[in-house]
Amino acid sequence: MRKVQCLKGAVSISGLPDYVLKTFLKTSHEPESFKDVDLSRIDKTLLDSLMPFQREGICFGISKKGCCLLADDMGLGKTIQSLGIAHYYIEDWPLLIVSPSSVRYLWADAIMTWLPSVPYHSVMVMTASTDYVKDARVLITSYDMMTRRQNELMEMEFGMCIMDESHFLKSSKSARTQAACKLLKNVKRVLMLSGTPALSRPIELYPQISAINPKLFPSFFEFGMRYCAGVKNSFGWDFKGSSNMKELQLLLERHLMIRRLKSDVISQLPSKVRQMVILNPEVINSKSKDMKRCVEKLDQEYLTGTEKRGALLKYYCATGKAKLKAIRDYIGDMLDSEKKFICFAHHKVVLDGICEVIREKKKEFVRIDGSTESSTRKLLCDKFQLESKYVAAVLSITAANAGITLTAAHLVVFAELYWNPGILTQAEDRAHRIGQDDSVLIQYLVAKETADDHIWPLIQSKLDVLNKAGLSKDNFLDTETSVLKNLRKQPSILNYFSEISLSDDEVADDMLASLDLEEFENCGKKPKLS
C-alpha cells in the first residue's frame, strides 16, 4: 500500500479503516463450513420438513450464536428457519416474536405445526394493552404493541427475539425503531428476518445491524461516511447515498447475514408452494348479524335443496364481508415489499376493498373481473407483465381464472376460497405456467368461525377423490400449515357444504354464476333508492 501511494497520478488511493481490517482478519480465522452443526436438539417435526438450503440457514444462524439477519427471498421459508434456530436455543427462552399485526396468528400456527413439543398454552398472542402476558414462554406481538408496551416487555427479560419483516426498523428516528433497539439491548440472541434488505440504501440497514451486533461498526457516523457516501450540506450530514457496497456486502455475509434468492436454490424448490394464512381473528366480523342469520338458517331442519344452496351462498357471501378488514390489513402489509403479486377474490365488495387499499398505498395495479371487456384484458396483462410500476393484479376467481398469463408474479394470494378446487388450480396457473422459470408461492387467506372452516377441508377432500381416480395431481394437503379445525362443531353446515361441493358441483357453480351479477358479487352493496 505504501509503495502504491508513492506513485504519482490522478488516482487517489486510501487504505481500509482499521475496524474493517480487524473484522476481515477475525473472520478469516473462522472455519468456512458451518453445515455440520448437530441439529438433533431441534424438534424432529421441523427437521423432517426442511429443504437442504433451509437446514443450511439454520446451521448458519447457530454458527452466529443465534444473532443474524435471515435475508432470503420471499417464499424460501424464513419462518421455519428462524423457529429452528430459536428451538435450538430453547434454554434461553422466553422467546419474543415481533411481526406485522396481520401475520401474528400465522406465527402461532407455525409454532403449533413445526414445534409440537412446545405446549400451545405457553404461546400467547398479545393483541391489546390490557393482555396479561407475563407467563408466556413464547410471546407474539406487533411492532405497534411492542412500542406501546416496551417497558413491560423489558421486564420479562427475553433471552431470544425474532423480528419479522425487520425492514420495519429502517428509520433510526422512529419511535418503533428506538423502542426495538432499547428492548433488544439486553436480549442475548436476536434474529432479524427480511426478504427485502435495503442493500441499495445502507443507512436503513444500520439499526438492524447494530441491534444484532452493536460492536461491528464503531459508530453511526463512521458507518455513514464509509457506506452511505456521507456528504455535508447546509442542513448537516446527508447519508442517503451508498458507497463501498461490495465491501459492506462481504462484511455482512461474513458476520451476520445469509441471503439466498429463489434463482440460487430453484433446483431444491417445488414448482408450487401452497401456504394457508390464518387471518387476524381480532378483526374478523364473524359475529355480525348477517353471519348469525346465515348460521341460524342453516341449522333449520327440513330445508329444501334449493333453500340449502341459497343459504350456503349467502353464508359464503357474508364470509367475504366478515373477512374484508383483515384482508385489507394483510394486503397493506404486503405492499411494503414492492414485489409483484396476483390477488384473487370473488365478491365485488372484496375486490373493491383490495383495490382501495392499493390506491391508499399509492401503488399501481390492474383489475380484471366480469365487467372487463375481452379486448382490454390483453392490454391489462401486458401492463402487469412488462411495466415494473404495476405491483398488483386484482382478479376475479371465476372471471379471470383462465386464458391469461401473468408470470411476472411469483406470489399468488387468494383472499377468498372457492369450493371447486379445479377453479382454484386454474387460477393458480395464471402465474404457474410455461414461461415461469421460478417457484410460485400461493397463499390462501382463511378466517376461523366463517364458511372457510368448512370450505377448506372440503377442497382437500374433493381433490383427494380426484387423485384416487387419477384425474388430478394437485394436493392441498401439502399446504405448509395445518388444516383449520372446525371450531363451531356444526355438522349440519358441514354436511350441506359436502352436498353442494362433492355431489353437485355443476349445479352449485351454475347457481353461483346466476347470482354473480345480482345478489352475489354485489353483496354488501346498498340498493339504489327508486
Protein backbone atom coordinates (compact mmCIF):
# COMPACT_ATOMS: atom_id res chain seq x y z
CA MET A 1 0.00 0.00 0.00
CA ARG A 2 2.81 2.43 0.89
CA LYS A 3 4.57 1.75 -2.44
CA VAL A 4 1.37 2.32 -4.40
CA GLN A 5 0.67 5.59 -2.55
CA CYS A 6 4.11 6.89 -3.65
CA LEU A 7 3.11 6.64 -7.31
CA LYS A 8 2.13 9.92 -8.92
CA GLY A 9 -1.14 10.13 -10.78
CA ALA A 10 -4.72 11.31 -10.76
CA VAL A 11 -5.99 8.30 -8.84
CA SER A 12 -6.50 8.74 -5.09
CA ILE A 13 -5.68 5.63 -3.05
CA SER A 14 -6.61 5.11 0.59
CA GLY A 15 -6.38 2.09 2.88
CA LEU A 16 -9.17 0.24 4.63
CA PRO A 17 -10.24 1.61 8.02
CA ASP A 18 -8.75 -0.28 10.96
CA TYR A 19 -12.11 -1.68 12.11
CA VAL A 20 -12.76 -3.14 8.64
CA LEU A 21 -9.32 -4.78 8.55
CA LYS A 22 -9.79 -6.20 12.04
CA THR A 23 -13.19 -7.60 11.12
CA PHE A 24 -11.89 -9.33 8.00
CA LEU A 25 -8.86 -10.66 9.86
CA LYS A 26 -11.08 -12.05 12.61
CA THR A 27 -13.45 -13.83 10.23
CA SER A 28 -10.58 -15.18 8.10
CA HIS A 29 -9.61 -17.42 11.03
CA GLU A 30 -13.11 -18.82 11.43
CA PRO A 31 -13.94 -22.16 9.75
CA GLU A 32 -15.73 -21.64 6.44
CA SER A 33 -18.07 -24.62 6.79
CA PHE A 34 -20.97 -24.36 9.20
CA LYS A 35 -23.07 -27.15 7.69
CA ASP A 36 -22.01 -29.89 10.13
CA VAL A 37 -23.77 -28.41 13.18
CA ASP A 38 -25.58 -31.05 15.27
CA LEU A 39 -29.29 -30.19 14.98
CA SER A 40 -30.61 -33.17 16.96
CA ARG A 41 -31.92 -30.99 19.80
CA ILE A 42 -34.40 -29.29 17.40
CA ASP A 43 -37.95 -30.69 17.16
CA LYS A 44 -37.95 -33.66 14.74
CA THR A 45 -41.18 -32.46 13.08
CA LEU A 46 -39.42 -29.28 11.99
CA LEU A 47 -36.20 -31.04 10.94
CA ASP A 48 -38.12 -33.50 8.76
CA SER A 49 -39.81 -30.59 6.95
CA LEU A 50 -36.59 -28.78 5.93
CA MET A 51 -35.19 -28.43 2.44
CA PRO A 52 -31.37 -28.61 2.24
CA PHE A 53 -30.87 -24.85 1.92
CA GLN A 54 -33.16 -24.25 4.92
CA ARG A 55 -31.07 -26.65 7.01
CA GLU A 56 -28.02 -24.67 5.88
CA GLY A 57 -29.71 -21.44 7.01
CA ILE A 58 -30.35 -22.88 10.47
CA CYS A 59 -26.72 -24.02 10.71
CA PHE A 60 -25.59 -20.51 9.71
CA GLY A 61 -27.74 -18.94 12.44
CA ILE A 62 -26.37 -21.33 15.04
CA SER A 63 -22.79 -20.65 13.90
CA LYS A 64 -23.52 -16.97 14.63
CA LYS A 65 -24.80 -17.88 18.10
CA GLY A 66 -28.39 -17.05 17.19
CA CYS A 67 -27.59 -13.46 16.14
CA CYS A 68 -28.06 -12.93 12.41
CA LEU A 69 -30.08 -11.45 9.56
CA LEU A 70 -32.02 -14.04 7.53
CA ALA A 71 -32.48 -12.18 4.26
CA ASP A 72 -33.75 -14.95 1.98
CA ASP A 73 -36.14 -14.16 -0.84
CA MET A 74 -39.88 -14.27 -0.13
CA GLY A 75 -41.20 -17.82 -0.09
CA LEU A 76 -37.95 -19.54 0.93
CA GLY A 77 -39.05 -20.28 4.48
CA LYS A 78 -37.56 -17.68 6.79
CA THR A 79 -40.25 -18.59 9.35
CA ILE A 80 -39.34 -22.27 9.62
CA GLN A 81 -35.60 -21.46 9.66
CA SER A 82 -35.96 -18.90 12.44
CA LEU A 83 -38.08 -21.28 14.52
CA GLY A 84 -35.42 -23.95 14.05
CA ILE A 85 -32.71 -21.61 15.34
CA ALA A 86 -34.95 -20.45 18.19
CA HIS A 87 -35.73 -24.02 19.25
CA TYR A 88 -32.02 -24.89 19.26
CA TYR A 89 -31.64 -22.19 21.92
CA ILE A 90 -34.81 -23.07 23.86
CA GLU A 91 -32.87 -22.92 27.14
CA ASP A 92 -32.59 -19.14 26.62
CA TRP A 93 -36.34 -18.61 26.31
CA PRO A 94 -38.77 -16.83 26.88
CA LEU A 95 -38.93 -16.03 23.17
CA LEU A 96 -40.36 -12.78 21.80
CA ILE A 97 -41.63 -12.65 18.20
CA VAL A 98 -42.43 -9.21 16.77
CA SER A 99 -44.22 -9.10 13.41
CA PRO A 100 -46.66 -7.01 11.37
CA SER A 101 -50.04 -7.29 13.08
CA SER A 102 -51.61 -9.10 10.12
CA VAL A 103 -49.36 -12.18 10.49
CA ARG A 104 -49.24 -12.63 14.28
CA TYR A 105 -51.55 -15.64 14.14
CA LEU A 106 -49.59 -17.14 11.26
CA TRP A 107 -46.63 -17.33 13.66
CA ALA A 108 -48.76 -19.01 16.33
CA ASP A 109 -49.97 -21.57 13.80
CA ALA A 110 -46.41 -22.16 12.55
CA ILE A 111 -45.27 -22.98 16.10
CA MET A 112 -48.16 -25.41 16.51
CA THR A 113 -47.29 -27.05 13.17
CA TRP A 114 -43.50 -27.31 13.35
CA LEU A 115 -42.79 -27.30 17.10
CA PRO A 116 -45.44 -29.63 18.56
CA SER A 117 -43.17 -30.21 21.57
CA VAL A 118 -43.83 -26.60 22.66
CA PRO A 119 -47.05 -26.57 24.74
CA TYR A 120 -49.56 -24.47 22.84
CA HIS A 121 -50.92 -22.91 26.05
CA SER A 122 -47.45 -21.38 26.61
CA VAL A 123 -47.70 -19.47 23.30
CA MET A 124 -49.51 -16.15 23.64
CA VAL A 125 -50.52 -13.56 21.06
CA MET A 126 -50.67 -10.06 22.53
CA THR A 127 -53.40 -8.03 20.88
CA ALA A 128 -54.38 -5.44 23.48
CA SER A 129 -52.72 -3.18 26.02
CA THR A 130 -54.54 -5.00 28.82
CA ASP A 131 -53.45 -8.56 27.92
CA TYR A 132 -51.68 -10.40 30.74
CA VAL A 133 -48.59 -11.97 29.14
CA LYS A 134 -46.00 -12.41 31.89
CA ASP A 135 -46.41 -16.21 31.99
CA ALA A 136 -45.75 -16.67 28.26
CA ARG A 137 -42.86 -18.85 27.10
CA VAL A 138 -43.42 -17.52 23.58
CA LEU A 139 -44.95 -14.08 23.15
CA ILE A 140 -46.06 -12.88 19.72
CA THR A 141 -46.88 -9.21 19.25
CA SER A 142 -46.96 -6.45 16.66
CA TYR A 143 -44.49 -3.61 16.19
CA ASP A 144 -47.04 -1.06 17.39
CA MET A 145 -47.88 -3.06 20.52
CA MET A 146 -44.15 -3.56 21.21
CA THR A 147 -43.70 0.22 21.10
CA ARG A 148 -46.63 0.82 23.44
CA ARG A 149 -45.68 -1.86 25.99
CA GLN A 150 -41.90 -1.51 25.73
CA ASN A 151 -41.25 -1.12 29.48
CA GLU A 152 -43.36 -4.13 30.41
CA LEU A 153 -41.65 -6.27 27.75
CA MET A 154 -38.22 -5.27 29.04
CA GLU A 155 -39.21 -6.56 32.48
CA MET A 156 -39.89 -10.01 31.02
CA GLU A 157 -36.17 -10.49 30.27
CA PHE A 158 -36.45 -12.29 26.93
CA GLY A 159 -33.41 -14.41 26.07
CA MET A 160 -34.23 -14.52 22.37
CA CYS A 161 -36.14 -12.35 19.91
CA ILE A 162 -37.28 -12.78 16.30
CA MET A 163 -38.03 -9.55 14.44
CA ASP A 164 -40.12 -10.47 11.39
CA GLU A 165 -40.07 -8.07 8.42
CA SER A 166 -37.22 -6.24 10.15
CA HIS A 167 -37.14 -3.57 7.43
CA PHE A 168 -39.91 -2.02 9.57
CA LEU A 169 -36.94 -0.73 11.62
CA LYS A 170 -35.33 1.18 8.75
CA SER A 171 -35.73 4.66 10.26
CA SER A 172 -33.47 5.20 13.26
CA LYS A 173 -35.57 8.20 14.34
CA SER A 174 -38.93 6.41 14.51
CA ALA A 175 -40.45 5.55 17.89
CA ARG A 176 -40.77 1.93 16.73
CA THR A 177 -37.04 1.59 15.96
CA GLN A 178 -35.96 3.34 19.14
CA ALA A 179 -38.21 1.09 21.25
CA ALA A 180 -36.91 -2.03 19.49
CA CYS A 181 -33.25 -1.07 19.90
CA LYS A 182 -33.75 -0.35 23.60
CA LEU A 183 -35.58 -3.64 24.11
CA LEU A 184 -33.00 -5.71 22.19
CA LYS A 185 -30.01 -4.33 24.10
CA ASN A 186 -30.49 -6.92 26.83
CA VAL A 187 -31.58 -9.82 24.59
CA LYS A 188 -28.92 -12.49 24.20
CA ARG A 189 -29.94 -13.75 20.74
CA VAL A 190 -31.53 -11.60 18.03
CA LEU A 191 -32.83 -12.86 14.68
CA MET A 192 -33.87 -10.35 12.03
CA LEU A 193 -35.96 -11.58 9.08
CA SER A 194 -36.35 -9.56 5.88
CA GLY A 195 -36.88 -10.61 2.28
CA THR A 196 -36.13 -7.06 1.18
CA PRO A 197 -32.96 -5.89 2.97
CA ALA A 198 -32.15 -2.32 1.90
CA LEU A 199 -28.80 -3.19 0.33
CA SER A 200 -29.07 -0.19 -2.00
CA ARG A 201 -29.92 2.14 0.93
CA PRO A 202 -27.42 1.05 3.59
CA ILE A 203 -28.45 3.74 6.08
CA GLU A 204 -31.74 1.83 6.50
CA LEU A 205 -29.78 -1.29 7.45
CA TYR A 206 -27.85 0.33 10.28
CA PRO A 207 -30.50 -0.02 13.04
CA GLN A 208 -30.89 -3.73 12.25
CA ILE A 209 -27.13 -4.35 12.12
CA SER A 210 -26.47 -2.53 15.38
CA ALA A 211 -29.28 -4.44 17.11
CA ILE A 212 -27.74 -7.77 16.04
CA ASN A 213 -24.10 -6.81 16.65
CA PRO A 214 -23.57 -3.36 18.20
CA LYS A 215 -19.77 -3.79 18.04
CA LEU A 216 -19.50 -4.45 14.30
CA PHE A 217 -19.21 -0.75 13.41
CA PRO A 218 -17.67 1.91 15.71
CA SER A 219 -20.44 4.47 15.27
CA PHE A 220 -23.34 5.60 13.13
CA PHE A 221 -21.19 8.42 11.72
CA GLU A 222 -18.35 6.14 10.61
CA PHE A 223 -20.84 3.72 9.04
CA GLY A 224 -22.50 6.63 7.21
CA MET A 225 -19.20 8.01 5.93
CA ARG A 226 -17.92 4.64 4.75
CA TYR A 227 -21.04 3.07 3.24
CA CYS A 228 -23.61 5.85 2.76
CA ALA A 229 -21.49 8.32 0.73
CA GLY A 230 -21.76 10.88 3.55
CA VAL A 231 -21.93 14.48 2.33
CA LYS A 232 -22.14 17.62 4.43
CA ASN A 233 -24.63 20.25 3.27
CA SER A 234 -26.24 23.34 4.75
CA PHE A 235 -28.61 21.15 6.82
CA GLY A 236 -25.91 18.85 8.22
CA TRP A 237 -24.75 15.42 7.10
CA ASP A 238 -26.61 13.56 4.36
CA PHE A 239 -26.25 9.75 4.46
CA LYS A 240 -28.87 8.79 1.85
CA GLY A 241 -26.35 7.56 -0.71
CA SER A 242 -24.29 4.38 -0.99
CA SER A 243 -20.57 3.66 -1.29
CA ASN A 244 -18.18 0.70 -0.92
CA MET A 245 -21.15 -1.63 -1.35
CA LYS A 246 -19.18 -4.77 -2.23
CA GLU A 247 -17.15 -4.31 0.93
CA LEU A 248 -20.30 -3.89 3.03
CA GLN A 249 -21.94 -6.94 1.48
CA LEU A 250 -18.85 -9.04 2.17
CA LEU A 251 -18.70 -7.79 5.76
CA LEU A 252 -22.36 -8.59 6.36
CA GLU A 253 -22.12 -12.05 4.78
CA ARG A 254 -19.02 -12.87 6.81
CA HIS A 255 -20.50 -11.61 10.06
CA LEU A 256 -24.27 -11.79 10.28
CA MET A 257 -26.26 -12.11 7.02
CA ILE A 258 -27.34 -15.03 4.87
CA ARG A 259 -29.28 -14.28 1.69
CA ARG A 260 -30.43 -16.73 -0.96
CA LEU A 261 -32.52 -15.77 -3.98
CA LYS A 262 -35.03 -18.18 -5.49
CA SER A 263 -32.75 -18.49 -8.51
CA ASP A 264 -29.96 -19.76 -6.20
CA VAL A 265 -31.99 -22.69 -4.87
CA ILE A 266 -34.51 -23.29 -7.66
CA SER A 267 -33.41 -26.93 -8.04
CA GLN A 268 -34.49 -27.60 -4.43
CA LEU A 269 -37.87 -25.88 -4.67
CA PRO A 270 -41.17 -27.42 -5.68
CA SER A 271 -42.68 -25.51 -8.60
CA LYS A 272 -45.65 -24.59 -6.41
CA VAL A 273 -45.64 -23.90 -2.66
CA ARG A 274 -49.05 -23.53 -1.03
CA GLN A 275 -49.43 -21.76 2.29
CA MET A 276 -52.52 -21.32 4.42
CA VAL A 277 -52.52 -17.95 6.19
CA ILE A 278 -54.84 -17.58 9.16
CA LEU A 279 -56.16 -14.03 9.22
CA ASN A 280 -56.17 -12.00 12.41
CA PRO A 281 -59.34 -13.14 14.26
CA GLU A 282 -59.43 -9.85 16.17
CA VAL A 283 -60.68 -8.07 13.04
CA ILE A 284 -62.87 -10.87 11.59
CA ASN A 285 -66.50 -9.82 11.93
CA SER A 286 -67.76 -13.38 12.44
CA LYS A 287 -70.48 -12.29 14.89
CA SER A 288 -72.22 -9.89 12.51
CA LYS A 289 -75.99 -10.05 12.05
CA ASP A 290 -75.55 -11.44 8.53
CA MET A 291 -73.29 -14.26 9.74
CA LYS A 292 -75.61 -15.16 12.65
CA ARG A 293 -78.64 -15.12 10.35
CA CYS A 294 -76.89 -17.46 7.90
CA VAL A 295 -75.87 -19.95 10.59
CA GLU A 296 -79.37 -19.93 12.11
CA LYS A 297 -80.89 -20.57 8.69
CA LEU A 298 -78.54 -23.48 8.01
CA ASP A 299 -79.37 -25.01 11.41
CA GLN A 300 -83.03 -25.25 10.47
CA GLU A 301 -84.39 -28.69 9.68
CA TYR A 302 -86.38 -29.69 6.61
CA LEU A 303 -84.84 -27.15 4.23
CA THR A 304 -85.32 -27.98 0.56
CA GLY A 305 -82.27 -28.44 -1.67
CA THR A 306 -82.78 -25.02 -3.23
CA GLU A 307 -83.15 -23.38 0.19
CA LYS A 308 -79.96 -25.07 1.42
CA ARG A 309 -77.96 -23.84 -1.54
CA GLY A 310 -79.34 -20.34 -1.26
CA ALA A 311 -78.46 -20.23 2.44
CA LEU A 312 -74.96 -21.53 1.78
CA LEU A 313 -74.33 -18.94 -0.89
CA LYS A 314 -75.44 -16.21 1.49
CA TYR A 315 -73.12 -17.62 4.19
CA TYR A 316 -70.24 -17.58 1.69
CA CYS A 317 -71.15 -14.01 0.72
CA ALA A 318 -71.32 -12.91 4.37
CA THR A 319 -67.90 -14.51 4.97
CA GLY A 320 -66.37 -12.27 2.29
CA LYS A 321 -67.64 -9.19 4.09
CA ALA A 322 -66.58 -10.52 7.51
CA LYS A 323 -63.01 -11.10 6.27
CA LEU A 324 -62.62 -7.80 4.42
CA LYS A 325 -60.91 -5.74 7.16
CA ALA A 326 -58.36 -8.50 7.82
CA ILE A 327 -57.77 -8.95 4.08
CA ARG A 328 -57.13 -5.23 3.68
CA ASP A 329 -54.63 -5.26 6.56
CA TYR A 330 -52.77 -8.22 5.10
CA ILE A 331 -52.59 -6.77 1.58
CA GLY A 332 -51.50 -3.41 3.01
CA ASP A 333 -48.53 -5.03 4.76
CA MET A 334 -47.63 -7.00 1.62
CA LEU A 335 -47.39 -3.84 -0.47
CA ASP A 336 -44.40 -2.68 1.57
CA SER A 337 -42.26 -5.39 -0.08
CA GLU A 338 -42.83 -3.90 -3.57
CA LYS A 339 -42.89 -7.40 -5.12
CA LYS A 340 -45.42 -8.15 -7.85
CA PHE A 341 -48.34 -10.33 -6.80
CA ILE A 342 -51.71 -11.56 -8.02
CA CYS A 343 -54.71 -11.33 -5.69
CA PHE A 344 -57.88 -13.34 -6.36
CA ALA A 345 -61.28 -12.72 -4.78
CA HIS A 346 -64.86 -13.46 -5.75
CA HIS A 347 -67.21 -10.85 -4.36
CA LYS A 348 -67.28 -7.36 -5.78
CA VAL A 349 -67.17 -5.80 -2.30
CA VAL A 350 -63.95 -7.71 -1.56
CA LEU A 351 -62.37 -6.87 -4.93
CA ASP A 352 -63.28 -3.21 -4.35
CA GLY A 353 -61.78 -3.25 -0.85
CA ILE A 354 -58.50 -4.72 -2.10
CA CYS A 355 -58.25 -2.10 -4.86
CA GLU A 356 -59.00 0.64 -2.35
CA VAL A 357 -56.10 -0.31 -0.03
CA ILE A 358 -53.71 -0.48 -3.00
CA ARG A 359 -54.76 3.04 -4.01
CA GLU A 360 -54.27 4.24 -0.43
CA LYS A 361 -50.69 2.95 -0.62
CA LYS A 362 -50.28 4.90 -3.89
CA LYS A 363 -49.36 1.78 -5.87
CA GLU A 364 -50.31 0.94 -9.46
CA PHE A 365 -52.41 -2.16 -10.24
CA VAL A 366 -54.59 -3.80 -12.88
CA ARG A 367 -58.03 -5.30 -12.28
CA ILE A 368 -59.80 -7.95 -14.32
CA ASP A 369 -63.32 -9.06 -13.34
CA GLY A 370 -66.60 -9.97 -15.00
CA SER A 371 -67.12 -6.42 -16.28
CA THR A 372 -63.73 -6.22 -18.05
CA GLU A 373 -64.07 -6.22 -21.85
CA SER A 374 -62.29 -9.07 -23.65
CA SER A 375 -60.50 -6.55 -25.85
CA THR A 376 -58.84 -4.84 -22.86
CA ARG A 377 -57.73 -7.98 -20.97
CA LYS A 378 -54.61 -8.48 -23.08
CA LEU A 379 -53.67 -4.81 -22.64
CA LEU A 380 -54.01 -5.06 -18.83
CA CYS A 381 -51.99 -8.29 -18.74
CA ASP A 382 -49.21 -6.70 -20.81
CA LYS A 383 -49.08 -3.72 -18.45
CA PHE A 384 -48.63 -6.03 -15.47
CA GLN A 385 -46.10 -8.24 -17.27
CA LEU A 386 -43.93 -5.50 -18.76
CA GLU A 387 -44.18 -2.40 -16.54
CA SER A 388 -42.46 -2.52 -13.15
CA LYS A 389 -44.72 0.15 -11.63
CA TYR A 390 -47.70 -2.26 -11.68
CA VAL A 391 -47.20 -4.27 -8.48
CA ALA A 392 -50.59 -5.99 -8.21
CA ALA A 393 -53.12 -7.74 -10.42
CA VAL A 394 -56.54 -7.96 -8.75
CA LEU A 395 -58.57 -10.71 -10.38
CA SER A 396 -61.99 -12.32 -10.06
CA ILE A 397 -61.69 -16.04 -9.27
CA THR A 398 -64.37 -17.03 -11.78
CA ALA A 399 -63.90 -14.35 -14.44
CA ALA A 400 -60.09 -14.39 -14.70
CA ASN A 401 -59.09 -17.95 -13.81
CA ALA A 402 -58.19 -18.94 -17.38
CA GLY A 403 -56.89 -17.56 -20.66
CA ILE A 404 -54.43 -15.02 -19.25
CA THR A 405 -50.72 -15.19 -18.42
CA LEU A 406 -49.20 -13.25 -15.52
CA THR A 407 -45.83 -14.94 -14.98
CA ALA A 408 -44.22 -11.65 -13.85
CA ALA A 409 -45.59 -12.53 -10.38
CA HIS A 410 -44.12 -15.22 -8.15
CA LEU A 411 -46.76 -14.73 -5.45
CA VAL A 412 -50.47 -15.54 -5.73
CA VAL A 413 -52.88 -14.63 -2.92
CA PHE A 414 -56.43 -15.95 -2.63
CA ALA A 415 -58.34 -13.52 -0.43
CA GLU A 416 -61.39 -15.80 -0.64
CA LEU A 417 -61.84 -19.54 -1.07
CA TYR A 418 -63.99 -21.29 -3.66
CA TRP A 419 -65.46 -24.76 -3.26
CA ASN A 420 -64.46 -26.07 -6.69
CA PRO A 421 -60.70 -26.87 -6.45
CA GLY A 422 -60.46 -27.11 -10.23
CA ILE A 423 -61.26 -23.39 -10.44
CA LEU A 424 -58.61 -22.64 -7.80
CA THR A 425 -55.86 -24.61 -9.55
CA GLN A 426 -56.77 -22.97 -12.85
CA ALA A 427 -56.43 -19.59 -11.14
CA GLU A 428 -53.08 -20.58 -9.59
CA ASP A 429 -51.79 -21.37 -13.05
CA ARG A 430 -52.08 -17.75 -14.20
CA ALA A 431 -48.60 -17.39 -12.64
CA HIS A 432 -47.52 -21.04 -12.56
CA ARG A 433 -47.33 -21.95 -16.27
CA ILE A 434 -44.90 -22.30 -19.14
CA GLY A 435 -42.82 -19.13 -19.17
CA GLN A 436 -42.46 -19.09 -15.38
CA ASP A 437 -38.89 -20.04 -14.51
CA ASP A 438 -39.34 -19.56 -10.76
CA SER A 439 -41.14 -21.27 -7.90
CA VAL A 440 -44.56 -19.76 -7.19
CA LEU A 441 -45.78 -19.13 -3.63
CA ILE A 442 -49.55 -19.45 -3.29
CA GLN A 443 -51.21 -18.13 -0.14
CA TYR A 444 -54.79 -18.87 0.89
CA LEU A 445 -56.19 -16.35 3.40
CA VAL A 446 -58.61 -18.13 5.73
CA ALA A 447 -60.69 -16.97 8.67
CA LYS A 448 -61.82 -19.09 11.58
CA GLU A 449 -65.50 -19.21 12.55
CA THR A 450 -66.61 -18.47 8.98
CA ALA A 451 -67.53 -20.53 5.91
CA ASP A 452 -63.77 -21.07 5.44
CA ASP A 453 -63.87 -23.59 8.32
CA HIS A 454 -65.93 -25.84 6.09
CA ILE A 455 -64.80 -24.99 2.56
CA TRP A 456 -61.06 -25.57 3.16
CA PRO A 457 -61.34 -29.23 4.32
CA LEU A 458 -63.78 -29.91 1.50
CA ILE A 459 -61.36 -28.60 -1.13
CA GLN A 460 -58.90 -31.14 0.22
CA SER A 461 -61.49 -33.93 0.23
CA LYS A 462 -62.58 -33.23 -3.33
CA LEU A 463 -59.00 -33.27 -4.62
CA ASP A 464 -58.34 -36.49 -2.72
CA VAL A 465 -61.26 -38.13 -4.55
CA LEU A 466 -59.94 -36.89 -7.91
CA ASN A 467 -56.39 -38.01 -7.09
CA LYS A 468 -57.59 -41.55 -6.32
CA ALA A 469 -59.43 -41.58 -9.64
CA GLY A 470 -56.28 -40.39 -11.42
CA LEU A 471 -57.98 -37.17 -12.54
CA SER A 472 -55.83 -34.67 -10.61
CA LYS A 473 -52.24 -34.43 -9.43
CA ASP A 474 -52.84 -31.48 -7.13
CA ASN A 475 -52.93 -31.96 -3.39
CA PHE A 476 -53.93 -29.20 -1.00
CA LEU A 477 -52.83 -31.47 1.88
CA ASP A 478 -49.28 -30.36 1.04
CA THR A 479 -50.13 -26.89 2.27
CA GLU A 480 -47.42 -25.70 4.68
CA THR A 481 -49.66 -25.03 7.65
CA SER A 482 -52.22 -27.15 9.44
CA VAL A 483 -55.81 -27.68 8.37
CA LEU A 484 -58.39 -25.47 10.03
CA LYS A 485 -60.22 -27.05 12.90
CA ASN A 486 -64.00 -26.82 12.69
CA LEU A 487 -64.40 -24.60 15.75
CA ARG A 488 -68.16 -24.35 15.53
CA LYS A 489 -68.79 -28.12 15.59
CA GLN A 490 -71.89 -27.71 13.41
CA PRO A 491 -72.21 -30.94 11.40
CA SER A 492 -75.33 -29.76 9.60
CA ILE A 493 -73.44 -26.91 7.93
CA LEU A 494 -70.54 -29.19 7.02
CA ASN A 495 -72.95 -31.75 5.56
CA TYR A 496 -74.63 -29.07 3.46
CA PHE A 497 -71.27 -27.97 2.09
CA SER A 498 -70.44 -31.63 1.38
CA GLU A 499 -73.60 -31.96 -0.65
CA ILE A 500 -73.04 -28.80 -2.63
CA SER A 501 -69.30 -29.32 -3.05
CA LEU A 502 -68.82 -33.03 -3.58
CA SER A 503 -72.02 -34.26 -5.20
CA ASP A 504 -73.35 -31.43 -7.28
CA ASP A 505 -70.53 -29.06 -8.32
CA GLU A 506 -72.02 -28.22 -11.68
CA VAL A 507 -75.36 -27.22 -10.20
CA ALA A 508 -73.60 -25.22 -7.49
CA ASP A 509 -71.40 -23.42 -9.98
CA ASP A 510 -74.40 -22.69 -12.21
CA MET A 511 -76.27 -21.22 -9.25
CA LEU A 512 -73.20 -19.23 -8.29
CA ALA A 513 -72.85 -17.87 -11.80
CA SER A 514 -76.52 -16.92 -11.98
CA LEU A 515 -76.19 -14.96 -8.73
CA ASP A 516 -72.91 -13.26 -9.60
CA LEU A 517 -74.22 -10.09 -11.14
CA GLU A 518 -77.21 -9.72 -8.85
CA GLU A 519 -77.09 -10.77 -5.23
CA PHE A 520 -73.72 -12.48 -5.05
CA GLU A 521 -70.97 -10.26 -6.45
CA ASN A 522 -72.83 -7.20 -5.23
CA CYS A 523 -73.28 -8.43 -1.68
CA GLY A 524 -72.69 -5.63 0.76
CA LYS A 525 -73.79 -3.01 -1.76
CA LYS A 526 -76.66 -0.77 -0.69
CA PRO A 527 -79.66 -0.89 -3.06
CA LYS A 528 -80.38 2.25 -5.05
CA LEU A 529 -83.41 4.24 -3.98
CA SER A 530 -86.12 4.40 -6.63
